[in-house]
Protein backbone atom coordinates (compact mmCIF):
# COMPACT_ATOMS: atom_id res chain seq x y z
CA MET A 1 19.17 -11.23 -23.55
CA ALA A 2 17.47 -14.47 -22.63
CA ILE A 3 18.50 -17.49 -24.66
CA THR A 4 16.40 -20.43 -23.43
CA GLN A 5 12.66 -20.70 -23.95
CA SER A 6 12.05 -20.78 -20.20
CA ALA A 7 14.05 -17.59 -19.69
CA LYS A 8 12.08 -15.87 -22.48
CA LYS A 9 8.82 -16.99 -20.89
CA ALA A 10 9.99 -15.76 -17.49
CA ILE A 11 10.63 -12.32 -18.98
CA ARG A 12 7.12 -12.25 -20.46
CA GLN A 13 5.61 -13.29 -17.13
CA ASN A 14 7.63 -10.69 -15.23
CA LYS A 15 6.34 -7.93 -17.50
CA LYS A 16 2.70 -8.99 -16.98
CA ASN A 17 3.13 -9.41 -13.22
CA ARG A 18 4.84 -6.04 -12.89
CA VAL A 19 1.89 -4.27 -14.48
CA VAL A 20 -0.51 -5.93 -12.03
CA ASN A 21 1.77 -5.35 -9.03
CA LEU A 22 2.18 -1.67 -9.89
CA ILE A 23 -1.60 -1.22 -9.65
CA TYR A 24 -1.51 -2.42 -6.05
CA ILE A 25 1.62 -0.43 -5.19
CA ASN A 26 0.40 2.84 -6.75
CA ASN A 27 -2.98 2.53 -5.03
CA LEU A 28 -1.25 1.97 -1.69
CA LYS A 29 1.08 4.92 -2.12
CA LYS A 30 -1.79 7.18 -3.18
CA LEU A 31 -3.93 6.29 -0.14
CA VAL A 32 -1.09 6.58 2.38
CA LYS A 33 0.00 9.90 0.89
CA GLU A 34 -3.59 11.17 1.03
CA ALA A 35 -3.95 10.12 4.68
CA ARG A 36 -0.68 11.82 5.61
CA SER A 37 -1.72 15.01 3.80
CA PHE A 38 -4.99 15.06 5.75
CA VAL A 39 -3.02 14.82 9.00
CA ALA A 40 -0.66 17.58 7.85
CA ALA A 41 -3.69 19.78 7.10
CA LYS A 42 -5.09 18.98 10.58
CA LYS A 43 -8.06 17.14 9.03
CA ILE A 44 -7.90 14.22 11.44
CA ASP A 45 -11.52 13.15 10.89
CA GLU A 46 -10.96 12.73 7.14
CA ALA A 47 -7.78 10.78 7.82
CA LYS A 48 -9.64 8.46 10.20
CA LYS A 49 -12.38 7.92 7.59
CA LEU A 50 -9.73 7.03 5.01
CA LEU A 51 -8.03 4.51 7.35
CA PRO A 52 -10.29 1.53 6.44
CA LYS A 53 -9.51 2.06 2.75
CA VAL A 54 -5.79 2.10 3.52
CA PHE A 55 -6.13 -1.09 5.58
CA GLN A 56 -8.12 -2.77 2.79
CA ALA A 57 -5.51 -1.83 0.18
CA LEU A 58 -2.71 -3.16 2.39
CA ASP A 59 -4.55 -6.42 3.02
CA LYS A 60 -5.27 -6.91 -0.69
CA ALA A 61 -1.66 -6.24 -1.60
CA ALA A 62 -0.52 -8.76 1.01
CA LYS A 63 -3.04 -11.34 -0.19
CA ALA A 64 -1.88 -10.90 -3.79
CA GLY A 65 1.74 -11.36 -2.71
CA VAL A 66 2.83 -7.85 -3.67
CA ILE A 67 3.95 -7.19 -0.10
CA LYS A 68 4.38 -9.60 2.78
CA LYS A 69 1.81 -10.04 5.52
CA ASN A 70 4.05 -8.63 8.24
CA THR A 71 4.92 -5.63 6.07
CA ALA A 72 1.22 -4.88 5.67
CA SER A 73 0.73 -5.26 9.41
CA ARG A 74 3.65 -2.93 10.16
CA LYS A 75 2.41 -0.28 7.73
CA LYS A 76 -1.11 -0.46 9.18
CA SER A 77 0.27 -0.05 12.67
CA ARG A 78 2.46 2.90 11.74
CA ILE A 79 -0.20 4.82 9.81
CA SER A 80 -2.79 4.37 12.56
CA LYS A 81 -0.24 5.36 15.20
CA PHE A 82 0.68 8.43 13.13
CA ILE A 83 -2.96 9.53 12.89
CA GLN A 84 -3.59 8.89 16.60
CA SER A 85 -0.48 10.78 17.70
CA ASN A 86 -1.56 13.85 15.70
CA SER A 87 -5.19 13.82 16.80
CA PRO A 88 -6.19 16.30 19.50
CA LYS A 89 -6.22 14.83 22.97
CA GLY A 90 -9.63 15.01 24.51
């Protein structure tokens, strides 16, 4: 248990920040999972329409400091590559 005032305050801040951060994280996970399920169901058009929302969520999470900028960039690259690789060639 925290003893000093600053440690007690840090615990309070961590609890508040965790609640806010979880909103970003859960939204990200939900969108990525949804996009992957569209690809699994061969609904590539729906997945492509969802891509801007995924990108926006990643950018917002990076801006808020929940994830790092390069992590967001990597995730955007991988999800778009995943959708492209599963789309019919033509």
